[in-house]
Amino acid sequence: MAVPKRKVTPSRRNKRRSHHALKAANYQEDQHTGEFKLRHHIDLKTGMYKGKQVIEPKGDF
């Protein structure tokens, strides 16, 4: 069975984990409604994507 020859230093360990950080979501204001939404996603309230009607808009709850 393989066994490490030496202890992994904290510096090396932390370099390996440098990609584990969470990134903030990229919200942008919608041009038509003024609400914030994720980029490249359909607006579920209006059913619009890139200025085109893609799906039927959801009714009010």
PDB file of N, CA and C in Angstrom:
ATOM      1  N   MET A   1       0.831  -1.171   0.000  1.00  0.00           N
ATOM      2  CA  MET A   1       0.000   0.000   0.000  1.00  0.00           C
ATOM      3  C   MET A   1       0.886   1.248   0.000  1.00  0.00           C
ATOM      4  N   ALA A   2       0.492   2.264  -0.773  1.00  0.00           N
ATOM      5  CA  ALA A   2       1.298   3.480  -0.866  1.00  0.00           C
ATOM      6  C   ALA A   2       1.137   4.339   0.388  1.00  0.00           C
ATOM      7  N   VAL A   3       2.268   4.822   0.874  1.00  0.00           N
ATOM      8  CA  VAL A   3       2.277   5.665   2.059  1.00  0.00           C
ATOM      9  C   VAL A   3       3.087   6.914   1.734  1.00  0.00           C
ATOM     10  N   PRO A   4       2.598   8.130   2.094  1.00  0.00           N
ATOM     11  CA  PRO A   4       3.368   9.348   1.818  1.00  0.00           C
ATOM     12  C   PRO A   4       4.719   9.320   2.536  1.00  0.00           C
ATOM     13  N   LYS A   5       5.754   9.739   1.841  1.00  0.00           N
ATOM     14  CA  LYS A   5       7.093   9.738   2.425  1.00  0.00           C
ATOM     15  C   LYS A   5       7.244  10.857   3.451  1.00  0.00           C
ATOM     16  N   ARG A   6       6.648  12.026   3.147  1.00  0.00           N
ATOM     17  CA  ARG A   6       6.744  13.165   4.053  1.00  0.00           C
ATOM     18  C   ARG A   6       5.373  13.806   4.255  1.00  0.00           C
ATOM     19  N   LYS A   7       5.284  14.577   5.357  1.00  0.00           N
ATOM     20  CA  LYS A   7       4.049  15.304   5.669  1.00  0.00           C
ATOM     21  C   LYS A   7       3.806  16.397   4.611  1.00  0.00           C
ATOM     22  N   VAL A   8       2.567  16.551   4.201  1.00  0.00           N
ATOM     23  CA  VAL A   8       2.219  17.616   3.258  1.00  0.00           C
ATOM     24  C   VAL A   8       2.147  18.925   4.037  1.00  0.00           C
ATOM     25  N   THR A   9       2.908  19.914   3.595  1.00  0.00           N
ATOM     26  CA  THR A   9       2.939  21.196   4.307  1.00  0.00           C
ATOM     27  C   THR A   9       1.622  21.947   4.109  1.00  0.00           C
ATOM     28  N   PRO A  10       1.274  22.828   5.052  1.00  0.00           N
ATOM     29  CA  PRO A  10       0.044  23.611   4.896  1.00  0.00           C
ATOM     30  C   PRO A  10       0.030  24.442   3.616  1.00  0.00           C
ATOM     31  N   SER A  11       1.182  24.908   3.211  1.00  0.00           N
ATOM     32  CA  SER A  11       1.268  25.704   1.984  1.00  0.00           C
ATOM     33  C   SER A  11       0.844  24.887   0.766  1.00  0.00           C
ATOM     34  N   ARG A  12       1.369  23.673   0.661  1.00  0.00           N
ATOM     35  CA  ARG A  12       1.001  22.798  -0.466  1.00  0.00           C
ATOM     36  C   ARG A  12      -0.467  22.395  -0.406  1.00  0.00           C
ATOM     37  N   ARG A  13      -0.928  22.070   0.797  1.00  0.00           N
ATOM     38  CA  ARG A  13      -2.325  21.684   0.978  1.00  0.00           C
ATOM     39  C   ARG A  13      -3.250  22.820   0.541  1.00  0.00           C
ATOM     40  N   ASN A  14      -2.944  24.055   0.943  1.00  0.00           N
ATOM     41  CA  ASN A  14      -3.789  25.192   0.618  1.00  0.00           C
ATOM     42  C   ASN A  14      -3.731  25.548  -0.863  1.00  0.00           C
ATOM     43  N   LYS A  15      -2.624  25.316  -1.514  1.00  0.00           N
ATOM     44  CA  LYS A  15      -2.540  25.541  -2.968  1.00  0.00           C
ATOM     45  C   LYS A  15      -3.471  24.591  -3.705  1.00  0.00           C
ATOM     46  N   ARG A  16      -3.547  23.373  -3.238  1.00  0.00           N
ATOM     47  CA  ARG A  16      -4.412  22.385  -3.869  1.00  0.00           C
ATOM     48  C   ARG A  16      -5.882  22.761  -3.695  1.00  0.00           C
ATOM     49  N   ARG A  17      -6.212  23.395  -2.591  1.00  0.00           N
ATOM     50  CA  ARG A  17      -7.595  23.758  -2.295  1.00  0.00           C
ATOM     51  C   ARG A  17      -7.978  25.149  -2.800  1.00  0.00           C
ATOM     52  N   SER A  18      -7.136  25.772  -3.590  1.00  0.00           N
ATOM     53  CA  SER A  18      -7.392  27.143  -4.024  1.00  0.00           C
ATOM     54  C   SER A  18      -8.627  27.261  -4.906  1.00  0.00           C
ATOM     55  N   HIS A  19      -9.078  26.189  -5.526  1.00  0.00           N
ATOM     56  CA  HIS A  19     -10.231  26.228  -6.413  1.00  0.00           C
ATOM     57  C   HIS A  19     -11.536  25.894  -5.692  1.00  0.00           C
ATOM     58  N   HIS A  20     -11.483  25.682  -4.397  1.00  0.00           N
ATOM     59  CA  HIS A  20     -12.673  25.270  -3.650  1.00  0.00           C
ATOM     60  C   HIS A  20     -13.545  26.435  -3.207  1.00  0.00           C
ATOM     61  N   ALA A  21     -13.093  27.669  -3.410  1.00  0.00           N
ATOM     62  CA  ALA A  21     -13.843  28.829  -2.931  1.00  0.00           C
ATOM     63  C   ALA A  21     -15.135  29.003  -3.723  1.00  0.00           C
ATOM     64  N   LEU A  22     -16.180  29.496  -3.055  1.00  0.00           N
ATOM     65  CA  LEU A  22     -17.451  29.769  -3.721  1.00  0.00           C
ATOM     66  C   LEU A  22     -17.381  31.119  -4.417  1.00  0.00           C
ATOM     67  N   LYS A  23     -18.007  31.205  -5.575  1.00  0.00           N
ATOM     68  CA  LYS A  23     -18.027  32.451  -6.320  1.00  0.00           C
ATOM     69  C   LYS A  23     -19.411  33.092  -6.194  1.00  0.00           C
ATOM     70  N   ALA A  24     -19.449  34.400  -6.230  1.00  0.00           N
ATOM     71  CA  ALA A  24     -20.713  35.126  -6.131  1.00  0.00           C
ATOM     72  C   ALA A  24     -21.515  34.947  -7.413  1.00  0.00           C
ATOM     73  N   ALA A  25     -22.839  34.846  -7.281  1.00  0.00           N
ATOM     74  CA  ALA A  25     -23.708  34.714  -8.445  1.00  0.00           C
ATOM     75  C   ALA A  25     -23.713  36.027  -9.218  1.00  0.00           C
ATOM     76  N   ASN A  26     -23.771  35.934 -10.546  1.00  0.00           N
ATOM     77  CA  ASN A  26     -23.710  37.111 -11.403  1.00  0.00           C
ATOM     78  C   ASN A  26     -25.124  37.541 -11.785  1.00  0.00           C
ATOM     79  N   TYR A  27     -25.729  38.402 -10.968  1.00  0.00           N
ATOM     80  CA  TYR A  27     -27.070  38.900 -11.238  1.00  0.00           C
ATOM     81  C   TYR A  27     -26.987  40.167 -12.070  1.00  0.00           C
ATOM     82  N   GLN A  28     -27.946  40.342 -12.975  1.00  0.00           N
ATOM     83  CA  GLN A  28     -28.050  41.573 -13.736  1.00  0.00           C
ATOM     84  C   GLN A  28     -29.488  42.033 -13.758  1.00  0.00           C
ATOM     85  N   GLU A  29     -29.671  43.338 -13.902  1.00  0.00           N
ATOM     86  CA  GLU A  29     -31.011  43.902 -13.935  1.00  0.00           C
ATOM     87  C   GLU A  29     -31.643  43.629 -15.290  1.00  0.00           C
ATOM     88  N   ASP A  30     -32.887  43.156 -15.278  1.00  0.00           N
ATOM     89  CA  ASP A  30     -33.616  42.885 -16.512  1.00  0.00           C
ATOM     90  C   ASP A  30     -34.008  44.211 -17.154  1.00  0.00           C
ATOM     91  N   GLN A  31     -33.848  44.322 -18.483  1.00  0.00           N
ATOM     92  CA  GLN A  31     -34.129  45.574 -19.181  1.00  0.00           C
ATOM     93  C   GLN A  31     -35.614  45.916 -19.169  1.00  0.00           C
ATOM     94  N   HIS A  32     -36.473  44.918 -19.221  1.00  0.00           N
ATOM     95  CA  HIS A  32     -37.904  45.168 -19.326  1.00  0.00           C
ATOM     96  C   HIS A  32     -38.587  45.324 -17.969  1.00  0.00           C
ATOM     97  N   THR A  33     -38.294  44.418 -17.041  1.00  0.00           N
ATOM     98  CA  THR A  33     -38.999  44.432 -15.754  1.00  0.00           C
ATOM     99  C   THR A  33     -38.236  45.173 -14.668  1.00  0.00           C
ATOM    100  N   GLY A  34     -36.930  45.312 -14.804  1.00  0.00           N
ATOM    101  CA  GLY A  34     -36.129  45.984 -13.784  1.00  0.00           C
ATOM    102  C   GLY A  34     -35.750  45.092 -12.623  1.00  0.00           C
ATOM    103  N   GLU A  35     -36.149  43.817 -12.664  1.00  0.00           N
ATOM    104  CA  GLU A  35     -35.803  42.881 -11.596  1.00  0.00           C
ATOM    105  C   GLU A  35     -34.465  42.224 -11.901  1.00  0.00           C
ATOM    106  N   PHE A  36     -33.824  41.718 -10.861  1.00  0.00           N
ATOM    107  CA  PHE A  36     -32.549  41.043 -11.039  1.00  0.00           C
ATOM    108  C   PHE A  36     -32.780  39.594 -11.432  1.00  0.00           C
ATOM    109  N   LYS A  37     -31.947  39.102 -12.377  1.00  0.00           N
ATOM    110  CA  LYS A  37     -32.035  37.715 -12.817  1.00  0.00           C
ATOM    111  C   LYS A  37     -30.647  37.234 -13.202  1.00  0.00           C
ATOM    112  N   LEU A  38     -30.480  35.920 -13.262  1.00  0.00           N
ATOM    113  CA  LEU A  38     -29.211  35.351 -13.692  1.00  0.00           C
ATOM    114  C   LEU A  38     -29.044  35.534 -15.193  1.00  0.00           C
ATOM    115  N   ARG A  39     -27.823  35.797 -15.616  1.00  0.00           N
ATOM    116  CA  ARG A  39     -27.554  35.939 -17.039  1.00  0.00           C
ATOM    117  C   ARG A  39     -27.750  34.606 -17.752  1.00  0.00           C
ATOM    118  N   HIS A  40     -28.172  34.640 -18.996  1.00  0.00           N
ATOM    119  CA  HIS A  40     -28.375  33.470 -19.849  1.00  0.00           C
ATOM    120  C   HIS A  40     -29.434  32.525 -19.291  1.00  0.00           C
ATOM    121  N   HIS A  41     -30.413  33.073 -18.572  1.00  0.00           N
ATOM    122  CA  HIS A  41     -31.516  32.282 -18.045  1.00  0.00           C
ATOM    123  C   HIS A  41     -32.833  32.915 -18.464  1.00  0.00           C
ATOM    124  N   ILE A  42     -33.848  32.102 -18.616  1.00  0.00           N
ATOM    125  CA  ILE A  42     -35.172  32.584 -18.965  1.00  0.00           C
ATOM    126  C   ILE A  42     -35.776  33.291 -17.753  1.00  0.00           C
ATOM    127  N   ASP A  43     -36.432  34.428 -17.986  1.00  0.00           N
ATOM    128  CA  ASP A  43     -37.169  35.112 -16.931  1.00  0.00           C
ATOM    129  C   ASP A  43     -38.509  34.410 -16.782  1.00  0.00           C
ATOM    130  N   LEU A  44     -38.711  33.707 -15.670  1.00  0.00           N
ATOM    131  CA  LEU A  44     -39.903  32.887 -15.498  1.00  0.00           C
ATOM    132  C   LEU A  44     -41.173  33.726 -15.341  1.00  0.00           C
ATOM    133  N   LYS A  45     -41.042  34.953 -14.853  1.00  0.00           N
ATOM    134  CA  LYS A  45     -42.221  35.794 -14.697  1.00  0.00           C
ATOM    135  C   LYS A  45     -42.808  36.200 -16.042  1.00  0.00           C
ATOM    136  N   THR A  46     -41.945  36.601 -16.970  1.00  0.00           N
ATOM    137  CA  THR A  46     -42.420  37.075 -18.269  1.00  0.00           C
ATOM    138  C   THR A  46     -42.303  36.023 -19.362  1.00  0.00           C
ATOM    139  N   GLY A  47     -41.425  35.017 -19.181  1.00  0.00           N
ATOM    140  CA  GLY A  47     -41.219  33.991 -20.193  1.00  0.00           C
ATOM    141  C   GLY A  47     -40.344  34.449 -21.339  1.00  0.00           C
ATOM    142  N   MET A  48     -39.590  35.526 -21.143  1.00  0.00           N
ATOM    143  CA  MET A  48     -38.759  36.100 -22.206  1.00  0.00           C
ATOM    144  C   MET A  48     -37.316  35.628 -22.079  1.00  0.00           C
ATOM    145  N   TYR A  49     -36.655  35.503 -23.224  1.00  0.00           N
ATOM    146  CA  TYR A  49     -35.224  35.228 -23.282  1.00  0.00           C
ATOM    147  C   TYR A  49     -34.679  35.911 -24.523  1.00  0.00           C
ATOM    148  N   LYS A  50     -33.704  36.793 -24.335  1.00  0.00           N
ATOM    149  CA  LYS A  50     -33.097  37.551 -25.430  1.00  0.00           C
ATOM    150  C   LYS A  50     -34.148  38.312 -26.245  1.00  0.00           C
ATOM    151  N   GLY A  51     -35.144  38.864 -25.574  1.00  0.00           N
ATOM    152  CA  GLY A  51     -36.152  39.666 -26.249  1.00  0.00           C
ATOM    153  C   GLY A  51     -37.216  38.868 -26.981  1.00  0.00           C
ATOM    154  N   LYS A  52     -37.211  37.551 -26.839  1.00  0.00           N
ATOM    155  CA  LYS A  52     -38.203  36.703 -27.508  1.00  0.00           C
ATOM    156  C   LYS A  52     -39.034  35.962 -26.475  1.00  0.00           C
ATOM    157  N   GLN A  53     -40.291  35.744 -26.781  1.00  0.00           N
ATOM    158  CA  GLN A  53     -41.187  34.983 -25.907  1.00  0.00           C
ATOM    159  C   GLN A  53     -40.878  33.498 -26.094  1.00  0.00           C
ATOM    160  N   VAL A  54     -40.367  32.859 -25.055  1.00  0.00           N
ATOM    161  CA  VAL A  54     -39.937  31.468 -25.146  1.00  0.00           C
ATOM    162  C   VAL A  54     -40.968  30.527 -24.533  1.00  0.00           C
ATOM    163  N   ILE A  55     -41.472  30.900 -23.353  1.00  0.00           N
ATOM    164  CA  ILE A  55     -42.470  30.069 -22.680  1.00  0.00           C
ATOM    165  C   ILE A  55     -43.637  30.946 -22.252  1.00  0.00           C
ATOM    166  N   GLU A  56     -44.730  30.312 -21.899  1.00  0.00           N
ATOM    167  CA  GLU A  56     -45.884  31.059 -21.397  1.00  0.00           C
ATOM    168  C   GLU A  56     -45.544  31.614 -20.019  1.00  0.00           C
ATOM    169  N   PRO A  57     -45.862  32.876 -19.751  1.00  0.00           N
ATOM    170  CA  PRO A  57     -45.548  33.457 -18.439  1.00  0.00           C
ATOM    171  C   PRO A  57     -46.373  32.807 -17.331  1.00  0.00           C
ATOM    172  N   LYS A  58     -45.761  32.720 -16.150  1.00  0.00           N
ATOM    173  CA  LYS A  58     -46.456  32.152 -14.994  1.00  0.00           C
ATOM    174  C   LYS A  58     -47.502  33.129 -14.499  1.00  0.00           C
ATOM    175  N   GLY A  59     -48.624  32.615 -14.014  1.00  0.00           N
ATOM    176  CA  GLY A  59     -49.653  33.470 -13.428  1.00  0.00           C
ATOM    177  C   GLY A  59     -49.262  33.909 -12.038  1.00  0.00           C
ATOM    178  N   ASP A  60     -49.962  34.912 -11.497  1.00  0.00           N
ATOM    179  CA  ASP A  60     -49.686  35.372 -10.141  1.00  0.00           C
ATOM    180  C   ASP A  60     -50.181  34.338  -9.139  1.00  0.00           C
ATOM    181  N   PHE A  61     -49.466  34.212  -8.036  1.00  0.00           N
ATOM    182  CA  PHE A  61     -49.804  33.213  -7.035  1.00  0.00           C
ATOM    183  C   PHE A  61     -50.829  33.773  -6.090  1.00  0.00           C
TER     184      PHE A  61
END
